[in-house]
Protein backbone atom coordinates (compact mmCIF):
# COMPACT_ATOMS: atom_id res chain seq x y z
CA UNK A 1 55.19 -45.72 2.51
CA UNK A 2 51.94 -43.75 2.72
CA UNK A 3 53.89 -40.55 3.16
CA UNK A 4 55.91 -41.38 0.05
CA UNK A 5 52.72 -41.94 -1.98
CA UNK A 6 51.26 -38.65 -0.73
CA UNK A 7 54.39 -36.82 -1.86
CA UNK A 8 54.13 -38.42 -5.30
CA UNK A 9 50.44 -37.46 -5.61
CA UNK A 10 51.17 -33.87 -4.53
CA UNK A 11 54.01 -33.69 -7.04
CA UNK A 12 51.70 -34.94 -9.82
CA UNK A 13 49.09 -32.32 -8.91
CA UNK A 14 51.66 -29.53 -9.00
CA UNK A 15 52.93 -30.76 -12.36
CA UNK A 16 49.38 -30.81 -13.71
CA UNK A 17 48.69 -27.32 -12.43
CA UNK A 18 51.87 -26.05 -14.04
CA UNK A 19 50.89 -27.75 -17.28
CA UNK A 20 47.43 -26.14 -17.28
CA UNK A 21 48.92 -22.79 -16.37
CA UNK A 22 51.26 -23.00 -19.34
CA UNK A 23 48.35 -24.10 -21.56
CA UNK A 24 46.18 -21.16 -20.49
CA UNK A 25 49.09 -18.78 -21.03
CA UNK A 26 49.24 -19.97 -24.62
CA UNK A 27 45.52 -19.16 -24.94
CA UNK A 28 45.88 -15.73 -23.35
CA UNK A 29 45.05 -13.85 -26.56
CA UNK A 30 41.76 -15.71 -26.97
CA UNK A 31 40.95 -15.28 -23.28
CA UNK A 32 41.62 -11.54 -23.51
CA UNK A 33 39.52 -11.38 -26.68
CA UNK A 34 36.55 -13.09 -25.01
CA UNK A 35 36.93 -10.88 -21.93
CA UNK A 36 36.92 -7.75 -24.10
CA UNK A 37 33.93 -9.05 -26.06
CA UNK A 38 31.93 -9.56 -22.86
CA UNK A 39 33.15 -6.17 -21.60
CA UNK A 40 31.67 -4.49 -24.66
CA UNK A 41 28.51 -6.57 -24.27
CA UNK A 42 28.13 -5.44 -20.64
CA UNK A 43 28.59 -1.78 -21.57
CA UNK A 44 26.03 -2.18 -24.35
CA UNK A 45 23.49 -3.68 -21.95
CA UNK A 46 24.02 -0.79 -19.52
CA UNK A 47 23.65 1.70 -22.35
CA UNK A 48 20.38 0.18 -23.60
CA UNK A 49 18.86 -0.35 -20.15
CA UNK A 50 16.16 2.12 -19.11
CA UNK A 51 16.61 4.51 -16.21
CA UNK A 52 14.37 3.54 -13.32
CA UNK A 53 13.16 5.95 -10.65
CA UNK A 54 12.65 5.06 -6.99
CA UNK A 55 9.90 6.82 -5.04
CA UNK A 56 10.31 6.35 -1.29
CA UNK A 57 7.81 7.13 1.45
CA UNK A 58 8.29 6.56 5.19
CA UNK A 59 5.51 6.27 7.76
CA UNK A 60 4.76 5.03 11.25
CA UNK A 61 1.91 2.77 12.30
CA UNK A 62 0.32 3.13 15.73
CA UNK A 63 -0.99 -0.14 17.10
CA UNK A 64 -3.23 1.56 19.65
CA UNK A 65 -5.03 4.87 19.74
CA UNK A 66 -3.56 7.50 21.99
CA UNK A 67 -5.57 8.61 24.96
CA UNK A 68 -7.34 11.95 24.69
CA UNK A 69 -10.06 13.93 26.53
CA UNK A 70 -12.58 12.51 24.08
CA UNK A 71 -12.10 9.11 25.72
CA UNK A 72 -13.61 10.53 28.88
CA UNK A 73 -16.61 11.81 26.92
CA UNK A 74 -17.04 8.35 25.41
CA UNK A 75 -17.08 6.93 28.91
CA UNK A 76 -19.80 9.36 29.98
CA UNK A 77 -21.86 8.52 26.90
CA UNK A 78 -21.50 4.79 27.61
CA UNK A 79 -23.32 5.36 30.90
CA UNK A 80 -26.41 6.17 28.87
CA UNK A 81 -26.07 3.04 26.75
CA UNK A 82 -24.22 4.58 23.78
CA UNK A 83 -20.96 3.10 22.42
CA UNK A 84 -19.27 5.88 20.47
CA UNK A 85 -16.40 3.75 19.16
CA UNK A 86 -12.82 4.93 19.31
CA UNK A 87 -11.40 1.62 20.49
CA UNK A 88 -8.19 0.22 19.07
CA UNK A 89 -8.24 -2.40 16.34
CA UNK A 90 -5.81 -5.20 15.65
CA UNK A 91 -6.86 -5.37 12.00
CA UNK A 92 -4.57 -2.46 11.18
CA UNK A 93 -1.56 -3.45 13.22
CA UNK A 94 1.91 -2.69 11.95
CA UNK A 95 2.56 -6.12 10.41
CA UNK A 96 -0.91 -6.30 8.89
CA UNK A 97 -0.55 -2.94 7.17
CA UNK A 98 2.72 -4.06 5.56
CA UNK A 99 0.78 -6.93 3.99
CA UNK A 100 -2.38 -4.94 3.27
CA UNK A 101 -0.40 -2.40 1.24
CA UNK A 102 0.32 -5.23 -1.22
CA UNK A 103 -3.21 -6.60 -1.17
CA UNK A 104 -5.15 -6.67 -4.40
CA UNK A 105 -7.94 -4.52 -2.97
CA UNK A 106 -5.64 -1.62 -2.06
CA UNK A 107 -3.47 -1.80 -5.20
CA UNK A 108 -6.47 -2.04 -7.55
CA UNK A 109 -8.19 0.87 -5.80
CA UNK A 110 -4.97 2.86 -6.25
CA UNK A 111 -4.70 2.06 -9.97
CA UNK A 112 -8.32 3.11 -10.53
CA UNK A 113 -7.63 6.59 -9.16
CA UNK A 114 -6.91 9.47 -11.53
CA UNK A 115 -3.48 11.01 -11.95
CA UNK A 116 -1.82 13.57 -14.21
CA UNK A 117 1.32 12.38 -16.01
CA UNK A 118 3.04 14.36 -18.77
CA UNK A 119 0.13 16.79 -18.74
CA UNK A 120 -2.48 14.10 -19.39
CA UNK A 121 -5.15 13.28 -16.80
CA UNK A 122 -6.30 9.66 -16.75
CA UNK A 123 -6.60 6.61 -14.52
CA UNK A 124 -3.26 5.40 -13.15
CA UNK A 125 -3.92 1.99 -14.68
CA UNK A 126 -4.25 3.61 -18.12
CA UNK A 127 -0.99 5.51 -17.59
CA UNK A 128 0.71 2.26 -16.56
CA UNK A 129 -0.54 0.45 -19.68
CA UNK A 130 0.82 3.28 -21.83
CA UNK A 131 4.19 3.29 -20.05
CA UNK A 132 4.61 -0.48 -20.44
CA UNK A 133 3.41 -0.32 -24.07
CA UNK A 134 0.89 -3.09 -23.52
CA UNK A 135 -1.53 -1.77 -26.13
CA UNK A 136 0.93 -2.52 -28.94
CA UNK A 137 0.95 -6.15 -27.82
CA UNK A 138 -2.82 -6.29 -27.26
CA UNK A 139 -3.47 -4.91 -30.76
CA UNK A 140 -2.60 -8.36 -32.10
CA UNK A 141 -5.21 -10.02 -29.87
CA UNK A 142 -8.93 -9.79 -30.51
CA UNK A 143 -9.66 -10.47 -26.84
CA UNK A 144 -7.75 -7.50 -25.41
CA UNK A 145 -7.66 -4.98 -28.27
CA UNK A 146 -9.75 -1.99 -27.30
CA UNK A 147 -9.72 -2.67 -23.55
CA UNK A 148 -10.19 0.59 -21.66
CA UNK A 149 -10.54 0.84 -17.89
CA UNK A 150 -12.62 4.02 -18.19
CA UNK A 151 -15.45 1.82 -19.48
CA UNK A 152 -17.56 -0.74 -17.64
CA UNK A 153 -15.62 -3.54 -15.98
CA UNK A 154 -15.55 -6.92 -17.72
CA UNK A 155 -13.80 -10.26 -17.24
CA UNK A 156 -10.97 -8.99 -19.45
CA UNK A 157 -10.51 -6.03 -17.13
CA UNK A 158 -10.32 -8.32 -14.09
CA UNK A 159 -7.77 -10.66 -15.68
CA UNK A 160 -5.56 -7.78 -16.83
CA UNK A 161 -5.79 -6.11 -13.42
CA UNK A 162 -4.80 -9.37 -11.73
CA UNK A 163 -1.68 -9.72 -13.87
CA UNK A 164 -0.69 -6.08 -13.35
CA UNK A 165 -1.29 -6.30 -9.58
CA UNK A 166 0.92 -9.37 -9.33
CA UNK A 167 3.68 -7.79 -11.42
CA UNK A 168 3.67 -4.55 -9.43
CA UNK A 169 3.74 -6.19 -6.01
CA UNK A 170 6.43 -8.72 -6.93
CA UNK A 171 8.78 -6.54 -9.01
CA UNK A 172 8.18 -2.86 -8.24
CA UNK A 173 6.75 -2.48 -4.75
CA UNK A 174 8.84 -3.06 -1.64
CA UNK A 175 7.85 -2.63 2.02
CA UNK A 176 10.32 -3.09 4.86
CA UNK A 177 11.22 -1.84 8.31
CA UNK A 178 13.82 0.94 8.34
CA UNK A 179 15.69 -0.77 11.19
CA UNK A 180 15.13 -3.11 14.11
CA UNK A 181 15.00 -0.39 16.75
CA UNK A 182 12.52 2.05 15.17
CA UNK A 183 9.00 1.28 13.97
CA UNK A 184 9.44 3.36 10.84
CA UNK A 185 8.33 1.58 7.66
CA UNK A 186 9.85 2.31 4.24
CA UNK A 187 7.52 2.05 1.27
CA UNK A 188 9.33 2.16 -2.09
CA UNK A 189 8.07 1.91 -5.63
CA UNK A 190 10.24 1.71 -8.76
CA UNK A 191 9.12 2.70 -12.25
CA UNK A 192 10.62 3.84 -15.52
CA UNK A 193 8.37 6.92 -15.31
CA UNK A 194 9.29 9.37 -12.57
CA UNK A 195 5.87 11.02 -12.26
CA UNK A 196 4.03 7.68 -12.18
CA UNK A 197 6.29 6.37 -9.41
CA UNK A 198 5.60 9.42 -7.24
CA UNK A 199 1.83 9.51 -7.83
CA UNK A 200 1.37 5.77 -7.39
CA UNK A 201 3.07 5.59 -4.00
CA UNK A 202 1.24 8.69 -2.72
CA UNK A 203 -2.13 7.36 -3.89
CA UNK A 204 -1.35 3.94 -2.42
CA UNK A 205 -0.83 5.32 1.09
CA UNK A 206 -3.96 7.47 0.70
CA UNK A 207 -6.03 4.40 -0.17
CA UNK A 208 -4.60 2.59 2.83
CA UNK A 209 -5.57 5.54 5.05
CA UNK A 210 -9.10 5.61 3.61
CA UNK A 211 -9.52 1.92 4.36
CA UNK A 212 -8.40 2.52 7.93
CA UNK A 213 -10.71 5.49 8.48
CA UNK A 214 -13.69 3.59 7.07
CA UNK A 215 -12.97 0.60 9.30
CA UNK A 216 -12.01 2.52 12.43
CA UNK A 217 -14.96 4.95 12.37
CA UNK A 218 -17.65 2.52 11.26
CA UNK A 219 -19.04 1.99 14.74
CA UNK A 220 -18.95 5.70 15.56
CA UNK A 221 -20.72 6.53 12.28
CA UNK A 222 -23.43 3.98 12.98
CA UNK A 223 -23.94 5.50 16.41
CA UNK A 224 -24.02 8.99 14.92
CA UNK A 225 -26.61 8.02 12.29
CA UNK A 226 -28.78 6.37 14.96
CA UNK A 227 -28.63 9.44 17.21
CA UNK A 228 -29.51 11.74 14.32
CA UNK A 229 -32.58 9.68 13.42
CA UNK A 230 -33.60 9.40 17.06
CA UNK A 231 -33.18 13.13 17.65
CA UNK A 232 -35.34 13.94 14.61
CA UNK A 233 -38.13 11.59 15.68
CA UNK A 234 -38.13 12.84 19.30
CA UNK A 235 -38.16 16.45 18.10
CA UNK A 236 -41.21 15.76 15.93
CA UNK A 237 -43.02 14.14 18.90
CA UNK A 238 -42.01 17.02 21.16
CA UNK A 239 -43.30 19.59 18.69
CA UNK A 240 -46.65 17.81 18.43
CA UNK A 241 -46.97 17.50 22.21
CA UNK A 242 -46.13 21.18 22.74
CA UNK A 243 -48.75 22.29 20.24
CA UNK A 244 -51.37 19.98 21.80
CA UNK A 245 -50.42 21.19 25.29
CA UNK A 246 -50.81 24.83 24.22
CA UNK A 247 -54.21 24.11 22.63
CA UNK A 248 -55.56 22.28 25.71
CA UNK A 249 -54.21 24.98 28.02
CA UNK A 250 -56.08 27.64 26.08
CA UNK A 251 -59.29 25.62 26.38
CA UNK A 252 -58.82 25.11 30.13
CA UNK A 253 -58.23 28.74 31.06
CA UNK A 254 -61.65 29.06 32.80
CA UNK A 255 -61.70 25.57 34.31
CA UNK A 256 -61.07 25.58 38.05
CA UNK A 257 -61.43 21.90 39.04
CA UNK A 258 -58.33 19.69 38.84
CA UNK A 259 -60.33 16.92 37.10
CA UNK A 260 -61.03 19.28 34.27
CA UNK A 261 -57.34 20.08 33.91
CA UNK A 262 -56.22 16.42 33.87
CA UNK A 263 -55.52 16.39 30.13
CA UNK A 264 -53.42 19.51 30.51
CA UNK A 265 -51.36 17.94 33.30
CA UNK A 266 -50.78 14.78 31.28
CA UNK A 267 -49.62 16.76 28.25
CA UNK A 268 -47.36 18.93 30.40
CA UNK A 269 -45.69 15.78 31.81
CA UNK A 270 -45.29 14.36 28.31
CA UNK A 271 -43.68 17.57 27.09
CA UNK A 272 -41.24 17.55 30.02
CA UNK A 273 -40.28 13.92 29.39
CA UNK A 274 -39.80 14.45 25.67
CA UNK A 275 -37.83 17.63 26.30
CA UNK A 276 -35.49 15.79 28.70
CA UNK A 277 -35.05 12.96 26.20
CA UNK A 278 -34.35 15.40 23.39
CA UNK A 279 -31.72 17.31 25.38
CA UNK A 280 -30.01 14.04 26.38
CA UNK A 281 -29.95 12.77 22.78
CA UNK A 282 -28.60 16.07 21.48
CA UNK A 283 -25.84 15.97 24.10
CA UNK A 284 -24.85 12.44 23.08
CA UNK A 285 -25.09 13.44 19.44
CA UNK A 286 -22.52 16.19 19.94
CA UNK A 287 -20.23 13.81 21.84
CA UNK A 288 -20.55 11.33 18.97
CA UNK A 289 -19.59 14.02 16.45
CA UNK A 290 -16.52 14.94 18.47
CA UNK A 291 -15.54 11.28 18.77
CA UNK A 292 -15.81 10.86 15.01
CA UNK A 293 -13.72 13.97 14.34
CA UNK A 294 -11.03 12.98 16.84
CA UNK A 295 -10.27 9.48 15.58
CA UNK A 296 -6.49 9.10 15.83
CA UNK A 297 -4.92 8.32 12.41
CA UNK A 298 -3.13 4.99 12.43
CA UNK A 299 -0.74 6.01 9.62
CA UNK A 300 1.52 8.97 10.31
CA UNK A 301 3.52 9.90 7.20
CA UNK A 302 7.05 11.10 7.90
CA UNK A 303 8.57 11.74 4.46
CA UNK A 304 6.91 11.96 1.06
CA UNK A 305 8.71 11.46 -2.29
CA UNK A 306 10.01 14.69 -3.79
CA UNK A 307 10.97 15.27 -7.42
CA UNK A 308 13.51 14.65 -8.83
CA UNK A 309 13.48 11.06 -7.64
CA UNK A 310 16.52 8.90 -7.06
CA UNK A 311 17.67 7.25 -10.30
CA UNK A 312 18.57 3.58 -10.56
CA UNK A 313 20.55 2.86 -13.71
CA UNK A 314 23.14 0.17 -14.37
CA UNK A 315 26.60 1.77 -14.41
CA UNK A 316 28.44 1.31 -17.72
CA UNK A 317 31.81 0.85 -16.02
CA UNK A 318 30.49 -1.70 -13.51
CA UNK A 319 28.57 -3.54 -16.21
CA UNK A 320 31.69 -3.60 -18.39
CA UNK A 321 33.94 -4.88 -15.59
CA UNK A 322 31.44 -7.58 -14.60
CA UNK A 323 31.07 -8.56 -18.24
CA UNK A 324 34.84 -8.74 -18.65
CA UNK A 325 35.24 -10.95 -15.58
CA UNK A 326 32.41 -13.18 -16.78
CA UNK A 327 33.97 -13.48 -20.24
CA UNK A 328 37.37 -14.32 -18.79
CA UNK A 329 35.93 -16.89 -16.41
CA UNK A 330 33.85 -18.59 -19.09
CA UNK A 331 36.74 -18.70 -21.56
CA UNK A 332 39.10 -20.17 -18.94
CA UNK A 333 36.50 -22.80 -18.05
CA UNK A 334 36.03 -23.58 -21.75
CA UNK A 335 39.75 -24.14 -22.38
CA UNK A 336 40.28 -26.08 -19.13
CA UNK A 337 37.39 -28.46 -19.77
CA UNK A 338 38.48 -28.79 -23.38
CA UNK A 339 41.96 -29.87 -22.32
CA UNK A 340 40.51 -32.25 -19.73
CA UNK A 341 38.37 -33.84 -22.43
CA UNK A 342 41.32 -34.17 -24.83
CA UNK A 343 43.56 -35.63 -22.13
CA UNK A 344 40.87 -38.14 -21.22
CA UNK A 345 40.55 -39.28 -24.87
CA UNK A 346 44.33 -39.59 -25.32
CA UNK A 347 44.79 -41.57 -22.12
């Protein structure tokens, strides 16, 4: 009995499907019309859409500094109580740099750098405002009309920069690993202006490198500054002692007794001590300079963006086909639901 009921239900479903198929066939002209209408609409959208340019840069991040002969010099200097830096830092690890490149500090510093676009030299943030045509919108607002980032920073500047930073990092900037096996990172930026895309991504990686160098060499620079000051002060003391020693020695030329030459002996010892100190400080100063110059860069750039950049524009044929399918699907759904509604009312 259950099998008989199942056969009846299946037969009813097939009859209904055949009925709806026949109904849609009767509406084929309207369905084709809607499909063609959406096809034209899709082509129109593709035609009106702006061409976007993708600037791509690849780089590698080193988690630890490579060993070099300078490490041995740092070890020798540490025996005399001097830490010349050069140690690795986890602040600029691979994962951290991928996040830091999108940080407000780095992006804002990038936008406040100068760049030349279409023959005009200005801040990148000013170029971006011109490209996005924000000034036309701001002209209607008393609060933002006349805002210029070449002038002193105000609360309006900060609020605008915050909105632009968020828009760039969420919609235009993308950072990802090239693949699971290699540690190569792809940094891409998309803009409607080809020159801006190239300059922004190059300046962004430069700002990231500057932040690394400042952080990584801070300790070595502090040591270098200390050694310079110490060397200058010891040299001044040494010069004074040498002059005093020469003066006392001239006075004591005719003195035979050792008690009379005591001052001369004391000054000679002081000169020797200061001279030894000065030579040791100068040696450590040179080691510190070499350490500072041989800091291993954490960001090694592999490929830079080259003009002309890759274009990203919606294809007219693809947009038209997608629009046609969408129009056909929506029209079929409209007629099917309409028939369902009518059948429900009649029954």
